[in-house]
Amino acid sequence: MQPDAARQVIAAALAEIAPEVDLDEIDGTVPFAAEADLDSMDLLSLAEELHARTGVDIGDGDLPSPWSLDQLVAELARRAD
């Protein structure tokens, strides 16, 4: 999956969980949860929604902590191939 496609999938999944978050306003290099004001339940819901949309499982240990949007995009793109 290309990074742009991965970002679109993340945006669509996030729209289900936190529709007030606009990925275009998120700095992709800073910790995503803080930047998007997401709590742990939101992040779990995001992981579940990404799995439902792509079949990719991304768990707590799969990304450095705290992870950025850019890191999530890269990991989803890599795994969805």
PDB file of N, CA and C in Angstrom:
ATOM      1  N   MET A   1       0.857  -1.175   0.000  1.00  0.00           N
ATOM      2  CA  MET A   1       0.000   0.000   0.000  1.00  0.00           C
ATOM      3  C   MET A   1       0.903   1.238   0.000  1.00  0.00           C
ATOM      4  N   GLN A   2       0.555   2.192  -0.792  1.00  0.00           N
ATOM      5  CA  GLN A   2       1.299   3.446  -0.846  1.00  0.00           C
ATOM      6  C   GLN A   2       0.990   4.283   0.409  1.00  0.00           C
ATOM      7  N   PRO A   3       1.936   5.086   0.873  1.00  0.00           N
ATOM      8  CA  PRO A   3       1.707   5.915   2.060  1.00  0.00           C
ATOM      9  C   PRO A   3       0.478   6.813   1.949  1.00  0.00           C
ATOM     10  N   ASP A   4       0.220   7.372   0.771  1.00  0.00           N
ATOM     11  CA  ASP A   4      -0.969   8.220   0.621  1.00  0.00           C
ATOM     12  C   ASP A   4      -2.251   7.415   0.851  1.00  0.00           C
ATOM     13  N   ALA A   5      -2.284   6.199   0.369  1.00  0.00           N
ATOM     14  CA  ALA A   5      -3.443   5.332   0.581  1.00  0.00           C
ATOM     15  C   ALA A   5      -3.575   4.964   2.056  1.00  0.00           C
ATOM     16  N   ALA A   6      -2.452   4.689   2.702  1.00  0.00           N
ATOM     17  CA  ALA A   6      -2.474   4.364   4.132  1.00  0.00           C
ATOM     18  C   ALA A   6      -2.999   5.549   4.933  1.00  0.00           C
ATOM     19  N   ARG A   7      -2.577   6.735   4.573  1.00  0.00           N
ATOM     20  CA  ARG A   7      -3.055   7.942   5.269  1.00  0.00           C
ATOM     21  C   ARG A   7      -4.561   8.112   5.070  1.00  0.00           C
ATOM     22  N   GLN A   8      -5.056   7.814   3.884  1.00  0.00           N
ATOM     23  CA  GLN A   8      -6.495   7.917   3.626  1.00  0.00           C
ATOM     24  C   GLN A   8      -7.280   6.905   4.456  1.00  0.00           C
ATOM     25  N   VAL A   9      -6.742   5.706   4.586  1.00  0.00           N
ATOM     26  CA  VAL A   9      -7.390   4.684   5.412  1.00  0.00           C
ATOM     27  C   VAL A   9      -7.417   5.145   6.871  1.00  0.00           C
ATOM     28  N   ILE A  10      -6.316   5.695   7.344  1.00  0.00           N
ATOM     29  CA  ILE A  10      -6.248   6.195   8.721  1.00  0.00           C
ATOM     30  C   ILE A  10      -7.258   7.324   8.911  1.00  0.00           C
ATOM     31  N   ALA A  11      -7.340   8.228   7.961  1.00  0.00           N
ATOM     32  CA  ALA A  11      -8.292   9.340   8.056  1.00  0.00           C
ATOM     33  C   ALA A  11      -9.724   8.830   8.115  1.00  0.00           C
ATOM     34  N   ALA A  12     -10.054   7.844   7.279  1.00  0.00           N
ATOM     35  CA  ALA A  12     -11.409   7.286   7.273  1.00  0.00           C
ATOM     36  C   ALA A  12     -11.710   6.570   8.594  1.00  0.00           C
ATOM     37  N   ALA A  13     -10.741   5.823   9.100  1.00  0.00           N
ATOM     38  CA  ALA A  13     -10.930   5.127  10.373  1.00  0.00           C
ATOM     39  C   ALA A  13     -11.078   6.128  11.509  1.00  0.00           C
ATOM     40  N   LEU A  14     -10.271   7.151  11.485  1.00  0.00           N
ATOM     41  CA  LEU A  14     -10.329   8.168  12.531  1.00  0.00           C
ATOM     42  C   LEU A  14     -11.646   8.937  12.496  1.00  0.00           C
ATOM     43  N   ALA A  15     -12.205   9.109  11.319  1.00  0.00           N
ATOM     44  CA  ALA A  15     -13.491   9.802  11.197  1.00  0.00           C
ATOM     45  C   ALA A  15     -14.598   9.063  11.935  1.00  0.00           C
ATOM     46  N   GLU A  16     -14.452   7.742  12.062  1.00  0.00           N
ATOM     47  CA  GLU A  16     -15.429   6.944  12.802  1.00  0.00           C
ATOM     48  C   GLU A  16     -15.267   7.106  14.306  1.00  0.00           C
ATOM     49  N   ILE A  17     -14.049   7.365  14.761  1.00  0.00           N
ATOM     50  CA  ILE A  17     -13.727   7.382  16.183  1.00  0.00           C
ATOM     51  C   ILE A  17     -13.717   8.798  16.756  1.00  0.00           C
ATOM     52  N   ALA A  18     -13.096   9.695  16.035  1.00  0.00           N
ATOM     53  CA  ALA A  18     -12.946  11.086  16.492  1.00  0.00           C
ATOM     54  C   ALA A  18     -13.123  12.011  15.297  1.00  0.00           C
ATOM     55  N   PRO A  19     -14.359  12.197  14.869  1.00  0.00           N
ATOM     56  CA  PRO A  19     -14.605  12.977  13.647  1.00  0.00           C
ATOM     57  C   PRO A  19     -14.123  14.422  13.712  1.00  0.00           C
ATOM     58  N   GLU A  20     -13.870  14.911  14.910  1.00  0.00           N
ATOM     59  CA  GLU A  20     -13.391  16.278  15.052  1.00  0.00           C
ATOM     60  C   GLU A  20     -11.912  16.438  14.693  1.00  0.00           C
ATOM     61  N   VAL A  21     -11.195  15.331  14.561  1.00  0.00           N
ATOM     62  CA  VAL A  21      -9.772  15.374  14.251  1.00  0.00           C
ATOM     63  C   VAL A  21      -9.571  15.469  12.749  1.00  0.00           C
ATOM     64  N   ASP A  22      -8.811  16.457  12.324  1.00  0.00           N
ATOM     65  CA  ASP A  22      -8.481  16.657  10.917  1.00  0.00           C
ATOM     66  C   ASP A  22      -7.005  16.326  10.732  1.00  0.00           C
ATOM     67  N   LEU A  23      -6.702  15.244  10.005  1.00  0.00           N
ATOM     68  CA  LEU A  23      -5.304  14.837   9.831  1.00  0.00           C
ATOM     69  C   LEU A  23      -4.460  15.911   9.163  1.00  0.00           C
ATOM     70  N   ASP A  24      -5.070  16.764   8.365  1.00  0.00           N
ATOM     71  CA  ASP A  24      -4.310  17.830   7.721  1.00  0.00           C
ATOM     72  C   ASP A  24      -3.794  18.849   8.723  1.00  0.00           C
ATOM     73  N   GLU A  25      -4.356  18.865   9.924  1.00  0.00           N
ATOM     74  CA  GLU A  25      -3.913  19.788  10.964  1.00  0.00           C
ATOM     75  C   GLU A  25      -2.958  19.132  11.959  1.00  0.00           C
ATOM     76  N   ILE A  26      -2.664  17.853  11.761  1.00  0.00           N
ATOM     77  CA  ILE A  26      -1.799  17.101  12.667  1.00  0.00           C
ATOM     78  C   ILE A  26      -0.360  17.165  12.175  1.00  0.00           C
ATOM     79  N   ASP A  27       0.546  17.508  13.073  1.00  0.00           N
ATOM     80  CA  ASP A  27       1.976  17.456  12.774  1.00  0.00           C
ATOM     81  C   ASP A  27       2.368  15.982  12.801  1.00  0.00           C
ATOM     82  N   GLY A  28       2.766  15.452  11.670  1.00  0.00           N
ATOM     83  CA  GLY A  28       3.059  14.032  11.543  1.00  0.00           C
ATOM     84  C   GLY A  28       4.293  13.554  12.261  1.00  0.00           C
ATOM     85  N   THR A  29       5.062  14.474  12.833  1.00  0.00           N
ATOM     86  CA  THR A  29       6.319  14.097  13.471  1.00  0.00           C
ATOM     87  C   THR A  29       6.263  14.095  14.992  1.00  0.00           C
ATOM     88  N   VAL A  30       5.152  14.507  15.557  1.00  0.00           N
ATOM     89  CA  VAL A  30       5.027  14.564  17.018  1.00  0.00           C
ATOM     90  C   VAL A  30       4.115  13.443  17.491  1.00  0.00           C
ATOM     91  N   PRO A  31       4.124  13.131  18.791  1.00  0.00           N
ATOM     92  CA  PRO A  31       3.271  12.049  19.284  1.00  0.00           C
ATOM     93  C   PRO A  31       1.806  12.251  18.880  1.00  0.00           C
ATOM     94  N   PHE A  32       1.278  11.259  18.177  1.00  0.00           N
ATOM     95  CA  PHE A  32      -0.050  11.351  17.574  1.00  0.00           C
ATOM     96  C   PHE A  32      -1.173  11.473  18.598  1.00  0.00           C
ATOM     97  N   ALA A  33      -1.160  10.658  19.633  1.00  0.00           N
ATOM     98  CA  ALA A  33      -2.260  10.657  20.600  1.00  0.00           C
ATOM     99  C   ALA A  33      -2.415  12.025  21.248  1.00  0.00           C
ATOM    100  N   ALA A  34      -1.311  12.631  21.620  1.00  0.00           N
ATOM    101  CA  ALA A  34      -1.372  13.959  22.233  1.00  0.00           C
ATOM    102  C   ALA A  34      -1.799  15.006  21.217  1.00  0.00           C
ATOM    103  N   GLU A  35      -1.264  14.920  20.022  1.00  0.00           N
ATOM    104  CA  GLU A  35      -1.583  15.900  18.973  1.00  0.00           C
ATOM    105  C   GLU A  35      -3.058  15.842  18.593  1.00  0.00           C
ATOM    106  N   ALA A  36      -3.638  14.636  18.559  1.00  0.00           N
ATOM    107  CA  ALA A  36      -5.038  14.459  18.171  1.00  0.00           C
ATOM    108  C   ALA A  36      -5.971  14.411  19.380  1.00  0.00           C
ATOM    109  N   ASP A  37      -5.406  14.500  20.592  1.00  0.00           N
ATOM    110  CA  ASP A  37      -6.173  14.454  21.834  1.00  0.00           C
ATOM    111  C   ASP A  37      -6.990  13.169  21.933  1.00  0.00           C
ATOM    112  N   LEU A  38      -6.300  12.027  21.728  1.00  0.00           N
ATOM    113  CA  LEU A  38      -6.934  10.712  21.796  1.00  0.00           C
ATOM    114  C   LEU A  38      -6.524  10.004  23.079  1.00  0.00           C
ATOM    115  N   ASP A  39      -7.474   9.353  23.721  1.00  0.00           N
ATOM    116  CA  ASP A  39      -7.138   8.574  24.908  1.00  0.00           C
ATOM    117  C   ASP A  39      -6.881   7.120  24.510  1.00  0.00           C
ATOM    118  N   SER A  40      -6.588   6.292  25.492  1.00  0.00           N
ATOM    119  CA  SER A  40      -6.221   4.903  25.196  1.00  0.00           C
ATOM    120  C   SER A  40      -7.362   4.129  24.544  1.00  0.00           C
ATOM    121  N   MET A  41      -8.588   4.416  24.913  1.00  0.00           N
ATOM    122  CA  MET A  41      -9.727   3.732  24.283  1.00  0.00           C
ATOM    123  C   MET A  41      -9.877   4.160  22.822  1.00  0.00           C
ATOM    124  N   ASP A  42      -9.621   5.439  22.549  1.00  0.00           N
ATOM    125  CA  ASP A  42      -9.657   5.909  21.160  1.00  0.00           C
ATOM    126  C   ASP A  42      -8.596   5.197  20.328  1.00  0.00           C
ATOM    127  N   LEU A  43      -7.413   5.034  20.896  1.00  0.00           N
ATOM    128  CA  LEU A  43      -6.322   4.375  20.164  1.00  0.00           C
ATOM    129  C   LEU A  43      -6.644   2.904  19.918  1.00  0.00           C
ATOM    130  N   LEU A  44      -7.253   2.249  20.894  1.00  0.00           N
ATOM    131  CA  LEU A  44      -7.670   0.857  20.710  1.00  0.00           C
ATOM    132  C   LEU A  44      -8.725   0.764  19.617  1.00  0.00           C
ATOM    133  N   SER A  45      -9.673   1.682  19.637  1.00  0.00           N
ATOM    134  CA  SER A  45     -10.709   1.709  18.600  1.00  0.00           C
ATOM    135  C   SER A  45     -10.112   1.969  17.227  1.00  0.00           C
ATOM    136  N   LEU A  46      -9.102   2.831  17.169  1.00  0.00           N
ATOM    137  CA  LEU A  46      -8.423   3.111  15.904  1.00  0.00           C
ATOM    138  C   LEU A  46      -7.739   1.850  15.383  1.00  0.00           C
ATOM    139  N   ALA A  47      -7.048   1.138  16.250  1.00  0.00           N
ATOM    140  CA  ALA A  47      -6.377  -0.105  15.840  1.00  0.00           C
ATOM    141  C   ALA A  47      -7.398  -1.120  15.328  1.00  0.00           C
ATOM    142  N   GLU A  48      -8.531  -1.234  16.003  1.00  0.00           N
ATOM    143  CA  GLU A  48      -9.572  -2.166  15.577  1.00  0.00           C
ATOM    144  C   GLU A  48     -10.165  -1.752  14.229  1.00  0.00           C
ATOM    145  N   GLU A  49     -10.371  -0.462  14.049  1.00  0.00           N
ATOM    146  CA  GLU A  49     -10.936   0.037  12.793  1.00  0.00           C
ATOM    147  C   GLU A  49      -9.946  -0.158  11.642  1.00  0.00           C
ATOM    148  N   LEU A  50      -8.669   0.062  11.908  1.00  0.00           N
ATOM    149  CA  LEU A  50      -7.658  -0.168  10.865  1.00  0.00           C
ATOM    150  C   LEU A  50      -7.617  -1.643  10.486  1.00  0.00           C
ATOM    151  N   HIS A  51      -7.732  -2.516  11.471  1.00  0.00           N
ATOM    152  CA  HIS A  51      -7.757  -3.948  11.183  1.00  0.00           C
ATOM    153  C   HIS A  51      -8.984  -4.306  10.331  1.00  0.00           C
ATOM    154  N   ALA A  52     -10.125  -3.754  10.686  1.00  0.00           N
ATOM    155  CA  ALA A  52     -11.356  -4.042   9.934  1.00  0.00           C
ATOM    156  C   ALA A  52     -11.238  -3.578   8.482  1.00  0.00           C
ATOM    157  N   ARG A  53     -10.553  -2.470   8.262  1.00  0.00           N
ATOM    158  CA  ARG A  53     -10.445  -1.907   6.922  1.00  0.00           C
ATOM    159  C   ARG A  53      -9.322  -2.533   6.090  1.00  0.00           C
ATOM    160  N   THR A  54      -8.275  -3.044   6.756  1.00  0.00           N
ATOM    161  CA  THR A  54      -7.104  -3.513   6.010  1.00  0.00           C
ATOM    162  C   THR A  54      -6.690  -4.940   6.327  1.00  0.00           C
ATOM    163  N   GLY A  55      -7.156  -5.476   7.445  1.00  0.00           N
ATOM    164  CA  GLY A  55      -6.704  -6.795   7.880  1.00  0.00           C
ATOM    165  C   GLY A  55      -5.371  -6.751   8.607  1.00  0.00           C
ATOM    166  N   VAL A  56      -4.820  -5.570   8.785  1.00  0.00           N
ATOM    167  CA  VAL A  56      -3.522  -5.396   9.441  1.00  0.00           C
ATOM    168  C   VAL A  56      -3.730  -5.196  10.938  1.00  0.00           C
ATOM    169  N   ASP A  57      -3.005  -5.982  11.737  1.00  0.00           N
ATOM    170  CA  ASP A  57      -3.014  -5.803  13.189  1.00  0.00           C
ATOM    171  C   ASP A  57      -1.825  -4.942  13.582  1.00  0.00           C
ATOM    172  N   ILE A  58      -2.098  -3.854  14.258  1.00  0.00           N
ATOM    173  CA  ILE A  58      -1.034  -3.011  14.803  1.00  0.00           C
ATOM    174  C   ILE A  58      -1.282  -2.925  16.298  1.00  0.00           C
ATOM    175  N   GLY A  59      -0.383  -3.529  17.071  1.00  0.00           N
ATOM    176  CA  GLY A  59      -0.522  -3.573  18.515  1.00  0.00           C
ATOM    177  C   GLY A  59       0.392  -2.587  19.214  1.00  0.00           C
ATOM    178  N   ASP A  60       0.314  -2.595  20.534  1.00  0.00           N
ATOM    179  CA  ASP A  60       1.087  -1.661  21.352  1.00  0.00           C
ATOM    180  C   ASP A  60       2.583  -1.722  21.083  1.00  0.00           C
ATOM    181  N   GLY A  61       3.130  -2.909  20.895  1.00  0.00           N
ATOM    182  CA  GLY A  61       4.573  -3.049  20.729  1.00  0.00           C
ATOM    183  C   GLY A  61       5.068  -2.881  19.301  1.00  0.00           C
ATOM    184  N   ASP A  62       4.177  -2.587  18.371  1.00  0.00           N
ATOM    185  CA  ASP A  62       4.557  -2.518  16.965  1.00  0.00           C
ATOM    186  C   ASP A  62       5.136  -1.179  16.538  1.00  0.00           C
ATOM    187  N   LEU A  63       4.883  -0.151  17.315  1.00  0.00           N
ATOM    188  CA  LEU A  63       5.383   1.186  17.002  1.00  0.00           C
ATOM    189  C   LEU A  63       6.149   1.706  18.207  1.00  0.00           C
ATOM    190  N   PRO A  64       7.139   2.566  17.970  1.00  0.00           N
ATOM    191  CA  PRO A  64       7.839   3.157  19.113  1.00  0.00           C
ATOM    192  C   PRO A  64       6.850   3.982  19.939  1.00  0.00           C
ATOM    193  N   SER A  65       7.113   4.108  21.203  1.00  0.00           N
ATOM    194  CA  SER A  65       6.202   4.855  22.058  1.00  0.00           C
ATOM    195  C   SER A  65       6.861   6.136  22.531  1.00  0.00           C
ATOM    196  N   PRO A  66       6.192   7.242  22.444  1.00  0.00           N
ATOM    197  CA  PRO A  66       4.932   7.498  21.759  1.00  0.00           C
ATOM    198  C   PRO A  66       5.166   7.601  20.261  1.00  0.00           C
ATOM    199  N   TRP A  67       4.208   7.188  19.472  1.00  0.00           N
ATOM    200  CA  TRP A  67       4.369   7.151  18.026  1.00  0.00           C
ATOM    201  C   TRP A  67       3.688   8.336  17.363  1.00  0.00           C
ATOM    202  N   SER A  68       4.218   8.654  16.200  1.00  0.00           N
ATOM    203  CA  SER A  68       3.701   9.783  15.420  1.00  0.00           C
ATOM    204  C   SER A  68       2.785   9.281  14.303  1.00  0.00           C
ATOM    205  N   LEU A  69       2.050  10.186  13.718  1.00  0.00           N
ATOM    206  CA  LEU A  69       1.213   9.851  12.567  1.00  0.00           C
ATOM    207  C   LEU A  69       2.070   9.327  11.424  1.00  0.00           C
ATOM    208  N   ASP A  70       3.204   9.952  11.167  1.00  0.00           N
ATOM    209  CA  ASP A  70       4.085   9.497  10.092  1.00  0.00           C
ATOM    210  C   ASP A  70       4.536   8.053  10.315  1.00  0.00           C
ATOM    211  N   GLN A  71       4.818   7.690  11.560  1.00  0.00           N
ATOM    212  CA  GLN A  71       5.228   6.317  11.862  1.00  0.00           C
ATOM    213  C   GLN A  71       4.077   5.342  11.636  1.00  0.00           C
ATOM    214  N   LEU A  72       2.871   5.744  12.011  1.00  0.00           N
ATOM    215  CA  LEU A  72       1.704   4.887  11.788  1.00  0.00           C
ATOM    216  C   LEU A  72       1.444   4.701  10.303  1.00  0.00           C
ATOM    217  N   VAL A  73       1.525   5.768   9.542  1.00  0.00           N
ATOM    218  CA  VAL A  73       1.334   5.682   8.083  1.00  0.00           C
ATOM    219  C   VAL A  73       2.348   4.717   7.488  1.00  0.00           C
ATOM    220  N   ALA A  74       3.612   4.869   7.851  1.00  0.00           N
ATOM    221  CA  ALA A  74       4.670   4.012   7.303  1.00  0.00           C
ATOM    222  C   ALA A  74       4.449   2.551   7.670  1.00  0.00           C
ATOM    223  N   GLU A  75       4.070   2.298   8.917  1.00  0.00           N
ATOM    224  CA  GLU A  75       3.867   0.908   9.368  1.00  0.00           C
ATOM    225  C   GLU A  75       2.668   0.288   8.675  1.00  0.00           C
ATOM    226  N   LEU A  76       1.580   1.020   8.557  1.00  0.00           N
ATOM    227  CA  LEU A  76       0.399   0.492   7.876  1.00  0.00           C
ATOM    228  C   LEU A  76       0.703   0.231   6.406  1.00  0.00           C
ATOM    229  N   ALA A  77       1.388   1.146   5.753  1.00  0.00           N
ATOM    230  CA  ALA A  77       1.742   0.977   4.341  1.00  0.00           C
ATOM    231  C   ALA A  77       2.620  -0.264   4.170  1.00  0.00           C
ATOM    232  N   ARG A  78       3.578  -0.439   5.050  1.00  0.00           N
ATOM    233  CA  ARG A  78       4.502  -1.590   4.953  1.00  0.00           C
ATOM    234  C   ARG A  78       3.765  -2.907   5.146  1.00  0.00           C
ATOM    235  N   ARG A  79       2.919  -2.964   6.151  1.00  0.00           N
ATOM    236  CA  ARG A  79       2.234  -4.215   6.464  1.00  0.00           C
ATOM    237  C   ARG A  79       1.097  -4.564   5.511  1.00  0.00           C
ATOM    238  N   ALA A  80       0.521  -3.555   4.889  1.00  0.00           N
ATOM    239  CA  ALA A  80      -0.618  -3.805   4.002  1.00  0.00           C
ATOM    240  C   ALA A  80      -0.177  -4.312   2.635  1.00  0.00           C
ATOM    241  N   ASP A  81       1.101  -4.315   2.373  1.00  0.00           N
ATOM    242  CA  ASP A  81       1.598  -4.832   1.082  1.00  0.00           C
ATOM    243  C   ASP A  81       1.575  -6.339   1.035  1.00  0.00           C
TER     244      ASP A  81
END
